[in-house]
PDB file of N, CA and C in Angstrom:
ATOM      1  N   UNK A   1      67.284  90.945 130.532  1.00  0.00           N
ATOM      2  CA  UNK A   1      68.740  91.045 130.535  1.00  0.00           C
ATOM      3  C   UNK A   1      69.280  90.252 131.734  1.00  0.00           C
ATOM      4  N   UNK A   2      70.255  89.413 131.479  1.00  0.00           N
ATOM      5  CA  UNK A   2      70.839  88.608 132.552  1.00  0.00           C
ATOM      6  C   UNK A   2      71.772  89.470 133.403  1.00  0.00           C
ATOM      7  N   UNK A   3      72.112  88.949 134.586  1.00  0.00           N
ATOM      8  CA  UNK A   3      73.046  89.669 135.456  1.00  0.00           C
ATOM      9  C   UNK A   3      74.385  89.863 134.751  1.00  0.00           C
ATOM     10  N   UNK A   4      74.820  88.857 134.012  1.00  0.00           N
ATOM     11  CA  UNK A   4      76.087  88.947 133.271  1.00  0.00           C
ATOM     12  C   UNK A   4      76.020  90.079 132.244  1.00  0.00           C
ATOM     13  N   UNK A   5      74.927  90.162 131.521  1.00  0.00           N
ATOM     14  CA  UNK A   5      74.751  91.221 130.525  1.00  0.00           C
ATOM     15  C   UNK A   5      74.710  92.595 131.192  1.00  0.00           C
ATOM     16  N   UNK A   6      74.085  92.674 132.363  1.00  0.00           N
ATOM     17  CA  UNK A   6      74.027  93.943 133.108  1.00  0.00           C
ATOM     18  C   UNK A   6      75.429  94.387 133.512  1.00  0.00           C
ATOM     19  N   UNK A   7      76.248  93.444 133.978  1.00  0.00           N
ATOM     20  CA  UNK A   7      77.618  93.772 134.389  1.00  0.00           C
ATOM     21  C   UNK A   7      78.435  94.224 133.183  1.00  0.00           C
ATOM     22  N   UNK A   8      78.338  93.510 132.079  1.00  0.00           N
ATOM     23  CA  UNK A   8      79.065  93.888 130.868  1.00  0.00           C
ATOM     24  C   UNK A   8      78.634  95.282 130.414  1.00  0.00           C
ATOM     25  N   UNK A   9      77.345  95.549 130.419  1.00  0.00           N
ATOM     26  CA  UNK A   9      76.821  96.848 130.004  1.00  0.00           C
ATOM     27  C   UNK A   9      77.321  97.963 130.930  1.00  0.00           C
ATOM     28  N   UNK A  10      77.357  97.692 132.228  1.00  0.00           N
ATOM     29  CA  UNK A  10      77.829  98.676 133.198  1.00  0.00           C
ATOM     30  C   UNK A  10      79.308  98.980 132.981  1.00  0.00           C
ATOM     31  N   UNK A  11      80.115  97.942 132.765  1.00  0.00           N
ATOM     32  CA  UNK A  11      81.542  98.150 132.501  1.00  0.00           C
ATOM     33  C   UNK A  11      81.757  98.907 131.182  1.00  0.00           C
ATOM     34  N   UNK A  12      80.927  98.602 130.195  1.00  0.00           N
ATOM     35  CA  UNK A  12      81.047  99.244 128.882  1.00  0.00           C
ATOM     36  C   UNK A  12      80.753 100.741 128.982  1.00  0.00           C
ATOM     37  N   UNK A  13      79.795 101.113 129.809  1.00  0.00           N
ATOM     38  CA  UNK A  13      79.378 102.510 129.900  1.00  0.00           C
ATOM     39  C   UNK A  13      80.116 103.313 130.973  1.00  0.00           C
ATOM     40  N   UNK A  14      80.985 102.665 131.725  1.00  0.00           N
ATOM     41  CA  UNK A  14      81.735 103.362 132.776  1.00  0.00           C
ATOM     42  C   UNK A  14      82.854 104.210 132.165  1.00  0.00           C
ATOM     43  N   UNK A  15      83.105 105.350 132.785  1.00  0.00           N
ATOM     44  CA  UNK A  15      84.163 106.244 132.308  1.00  0.00           C
ATOM     45  C   UNK A  15      85.537 105.841 132.819  1.00  0.00           C
ATOM     46  N   UNK A  16      85.586 104.913 133.771  1.00  0.00           N
ATOM     47  CA  UNK A  16      86.848 104.440 134.336  1.00  0.00           C
ATOM     48  C   UNK A  16      86.643 103.010 134.833  1.00  0.00           C
ATOM     49  N   UNK A  17      87.711 102.290 135.109  1.00  0.00           N
ATOM     50  CA  UNK A  17      87.580 100.921 135.613  1.00  0.00           C
ATOM     51  C   UNK A  17      86.824 100.885 136.948  1.00  0.00           C
ATOM     52  N   UNK A  18      86.026  99.848 137.141  1.00  0.00           N
ATOM     53  CA  UNK A  18      85.206  99.702 138.342  1.00  0.00           C
ATOM     54  C   UNK A  18      85.656  98.503 139.172  1.00  0.00           C
ATOM     55  N   UNK A  19      85.428  98.586 140.462  1.00  0.00           N
ATOM     56  CA  UNK A  19      85.697  97.449 141.339  1.00  0.00           C
ATOM     57  C   UNK A  19      84.450  96.574 141.409  1.00  0.00           C
ATOM     58  N   UNK A  20      84.610  95.374 141.935  1.00  0.00           N
ATOM     59  CA  UNK A  20      83.455  94.502 142.132  1.00  0.00           C
ATOM     60  C   UNK A  20      82.463  95.161 143.073  1.00  0.00           C
ATOM     61  N   UNK A  21      82.979  95.856 144.090  1.00  0.00           N
ATOM     62  CA  UNK A  21      82.117  96.571 145.038  1.00  0.00           C
ATOM     63  C   UNK A  21      81.292  97.652 144.365  1.00  0.00           C
ATOM     64  N   UNK A  22      81.891  98.332 143.382  1.00  0.00           N
ATOM     65  CA  UNK A  22      81.148  99.341 142.612  1.00  0.00           C
ATOM     66  C   UNK A  22      79.976  98.696 141.885  1.00  0.00           C
ATOM     67  N   UNK A  23      80.231  97.542 141.274  1.00  0.00           N
ATOM     68  CA  UNK A  23      79.179  96.825 140.541  1.00  0.00           C
ATOM     69  C   UNK A  23      78.059  96.409 141.493  1.00  0.00           C
ATOM     70  N   UNK A  24      78.420  95.911 142.668  1.00  0.00           N
ATOM     71  CA  UNK A  24      77.425  95.511 143.671  1.00  0.00           C
ATOM     72  C   UNK A  24      76.540  96.707 144.013  1.00  0.00           C
ATOM     73  N   UNK A  25      77.159  97.870 144.250  1.00  0.00           N
ATOM     74  CA  UNK A  25      76.403  99.074 144.617  1.00  0.00           C
ATOM     75  C   UNK A  25      75.533  99.579 143.466  1.00  0.00           C
ATOM     76  N   UNK A  26      76.101  99.616 142.269  1.00  0.00           N
ATOM     77  CA  UNK A  26      75.374 100.148 141.110  1.00  0.00           C
ATOM     78  C   UNK A  26      74.179  99.279 140.740  1.00  0.00           C
ATOM     79  N   UNK A  27      74.398  97.962 140.686  1.00  0.00           N
ATOM     80  CA  UNK A  27      73.351  97.057 140.206  1.00  0.00           C
ATOM     81  C   UNK A  27      72.522  96.421 141.318  1.00  0.00           C
ATOM     82  N   UNK A  28      73.008  96.503 142.567  1.00  0.00           N
ATOM     83  CA  UNK A  28      72.263  95.911 143.673  1.00  0.00           C
ATOM     84  C   UNK A  28      72.287  94.389 143.665  1.00  0.00           C
ATOM     85  N   UNK A  29      73.328  93.818 143.071  1.00  0.00           N
ATOM     86  CA  UNK A  29      73.445  92.360 143.022  1.00  0.00           C
ATOM     87  C   UNK A  29      74.180  91.850 144.261  1.00  0.00           C
ATOM     88  N   UNK A  30      74.012  90.579 144.545  1.00  0.00           N
ATOM     89  CA  UNK A  30      74.719  89.933 145.652  1.00  0.00           C
ATOM     90  C   UNK A  30      76.204  89.830 145.298  1.00  0.00           C
ATOM     91  N   UNK A  31      77.052  90.029 146.288  1.00  0.00           N
ATOM     92  CA  UNK A  31      78.505  89.989 146.069  1.00  0.00           C
ATOM     93  C   UNK A  31      78.964  88.650 145.495  1.00  0.00           C
ATOM     94  N   UNK A  32      78.372  87.549 145.966  1.00  0.00           N
ATOM     95  CA  UNK A  32      78.742  86.219 145.456  1.00  0.00           C
ATOM     96  C   UNK A  32      78.409  86.075 143.974  1.00  0.00           C
ATOM     97  N   UNK A  33      77.275  86.615 143.578  1.00  0.00           N
ATOM     98  CA  UNK A  33      76.864  86.565 142.172  1.00  0.00           C
ATOM     99  C   UNK A  33      77.873  87.334 141.319  1.00  0.00           C
ATOM    100  N   UNK A  34      78.247  88.522 141.778  1.00  0.00           N
ATOM    101  CA  UNK A  34      79.211  89.346 141.050  1.00  0.00           C
ATOM    102  C   UNK A  34      80.556  88.623 140.967  1.00  0.00           C
ATOM    103  N   UNK A  35      81.009  88.030 142.065  1.00  0.00           N
ATOM    104  CA  UNK A  35      82.274  87.286 142.063  1.00  0.00           C
ATOM    105  C   UNK A  35      82.254  86.165 141.027  1.00  0.00           C
ATOM    106  N   UNK A  36      81.169  85.407 140.992  1.00  0.00           N
ATOM    107  CA  UNK A  36      81.049  84.289 140.048  1.00  0.00           C
ATOM    108  C   UNK A  36      81.050  84.776 138.597  1.00  0.00           C
ATOM    109  N   UNK A  37      80.341  85.853 138.336  1.00  0.00           N
ATOM    110  CA  UNK A  37      80.273  86.377 136.976  1.00  0.00           C
ATOM    111  C   UNK A  37      81.627  86.944 136.557  1.00  0.00           C
ATOM    112  N   UNK A  38      82.308  87.640 137.478  1.00  0.00           N
ATOM    113  CA  UNK A  38      83.626  88.175 137.152  1.00  0.00           C
ATOM    114  C   UNK A  38      84.596  87.041 136.843  1.00  0.00           C
ATOM    115  N   UNK A  39      84.534  85.954 137.591  1.00  0.00           N
ATOM    116  CA  UNK A  39      85.390  84.795 137.322  1.00  0.00           C
ATOM    117  C   UNK A  39      85.137  84.263 135.918  1.00  0.00           C
ATOM    118  N   UNK A  40      83.876  84.177 135.559  1.00  0.00           N
ATOM    119  CA  UNK A  40      83.493  83.701 134.234  1.00  0.00           C
ATOM    120  C   UNK A  40      84.007  84.648 133.142  1.00  0.00           C
ATOM    121  N   UNK A  41      83.852  85.951 133.364  1.00  0.00           N
ATOM    122  CA  UNK A  41      84.302  86.940 132.384  1.00  0.00           C
ATOM    123  C   UNK A  41      85.823  86.902 132.219  1.00  0.00           C
ATOM    124  N   UNK A  42      86.539  86.660 133.322  1.00  0.00           N
ATOM    125  CA  UNK A  42      87.998  86.539 133.252  1.00  0.00           C
ATOM    126  C   UNK A  42      88.400  85.321 132.428  1.00  0.00           C
ATOM    127  N   UNK A  43      87.763  84.184 132.677  1.00  0.00           N
ATOM    128  CA  UNK A  43      88.075  82.955 131.944  1.00  0.00           C
ATOM    129  C   UNK A  43      87.801  83.117 130.454  1.00  0.00           C
ATOM    130  N   UNK A  44      86.765  83.889 130.128  1.00  0.00           N
ATOM    131  CA  UNK A  44      86.403  84.126 128.727  1.00  0.00           C
ATOM    132  C   UNK A  44      87.292  85.190 128.084  1.00  0.00           C
ATOM    133  N   UNK A  45      88.095  85.862 128.894  1.00  0.00           N
ATOM    134  CA  UNK A  45      88.990  86.893 128.376  1.00  0.00           C
ATOM    135  C   UNK A  45      88.292  88.192 128.012  1.00  0.00           C
ATOM    136  N   UNK A  46      87.145  88.446 128.621  1.00  0.00           N
ATOM    137  CA  UNK A  46      86.376  89.640 128.289  1.00  0.00           C
ATOM    138  C   UNK A  46      86.726  90.858 129.134  1.00  0.00           C
ATOM    139  N   UNK A  47      87.335  90.635 130.311  1.00  0.00           N
ATOM    140  CA  UNK A  47      87.693  91.753 131.179  1.00  0.00           C
ATOM    141  C   UNK A  47      89.166  91.678 131.560  1.00  0.00           C
ATOM    142  N   UNK A  48      89.720  92.848 131.857  1.00  0.00           N
ATOM    143  CA  UNK A  48      91.111  92.952 132.305  1.00  0.00           C
ATOM    144  C   UNK A  48      91.155  93.887 133.512  1.00  0.00           C
ATOM    145  N   UNK A  49      92.239  93.765 134.266  1.00  0.00           N
ATOM    146  CA  UNK A  49      92.429  94.603 135.446  1.00  0.00           C
ATOM    147  C   UNK A  49      93.605  95.543 135.218  1.00  0.00           C
ATOM    148  N   UNK A  50      93.328  96.820 134.864  1.00  0.00           N
ATOM    149  CA  UNK A  50      94.394  97.775 134.609  1.00  0.00           C
ATOM    150  C   UNK A  50      95.043  98.302 135.898  1.00  0.00           C
ATOM    151  N   UNK A  51      94.338  98.152 137.005  1.00  0.00           N
ATOM    152  CA  UNK A  51      94.827  98.574 138.324  1.00  0.00           C
ATOM    153  C   UNK A  51      94.291  97.580 139.346  1.00  0.00           C
ATOM    154  N   UNK A  52      94.972  97.465 140.460  1.00  0.00           N
ATOM    155  CA  UNK A  52      94.577  96.491 141.479  1.00  0.00           C
ATOM    156  C   UNK A  52      93.106  96.664 141.872  1.00  0.00           C
ATOM    157  N   UNK A  53      92.372  95.576 141.757  1.00  0.00           N
ATOM    158  CA  UNK A  53      90.955  95.508 142.152  1.00  0.00           C
ATOM    159  C   UNK A  53      90.029  96.369 141.292  1.00  0.00           C
ATOM    160  N   UNK A  54      90.473  96.805 140.146  1.00  0.00           N
ATOM    161  CA  UNK A  54      89.634  97.566 139.214  1.00  0.00           C
ATOM    162  C   UNK A  54      89.550  96.796 137.911  1.00  0.00           C
ATOM    163  N   UNK A  55      88.385  96.837 137.280  1.00  0.00           N
ATOM    164  CA  UNK A  55      88.156  96.032 136.087  1.00  0.00           C
ATOM    165  C   UNK A  55      87.532  96.861 134.970  1.00  0.00           C
ATOM    166  N   UNK A  56      87.842  96.452 133.742  1.00  0.00           N
ATOM    167  CA  UNK A  56      87.241  97.059 132.567  1.00  0.00           C
ATOM    168  C   UNK A  56      87.156  95.997 131.475  1.00  0.00           C
ATOM    169  N   UNK A  57      86.344  96.286 130.468  1.00  0.00           N
ATOM    170  CA  UNK A  57      86.246  95.367 129.346  1.00  0.00           C
ATOM    171  C   UNK A  57      87.548  95.394 128.553  1.00  0.00           C
ATOM    172  N   UNK A  58      87.933  94.242 128.043  1.00  0.00           N
ATOM    173  CA  UNK A  58      89.141  94.150 127.223  1.00  0.00           C
ATOM    174  C   UNK A  58      88.895  94.905 125.929  1.00  0.00           C
ATOM    175  N   UNK A  59      89.872  95.688 125.530  1.00  0.00           N
ATOM    176  CA  UNK A  59      89.710  96.501 124.307  1.00  0.00           C
ATOM    177  C   UNK A  59      90.192  95.780 123.092  1.00  0.00           C
TER     178      UNK A  59
END
């Protein structure tokens, strides 16, 4: 499973929107890696931010 797939899976299974910092803590990934993947997910339209600095998969 790629880091991108891990992040998507984590967001999918979360009960509430998560911050990038939450993802770093949960998955143990480097912050830069998470930032790059989040940028990619935003460009693809797969994630949205319902609250400042919190993210969830687009419904």
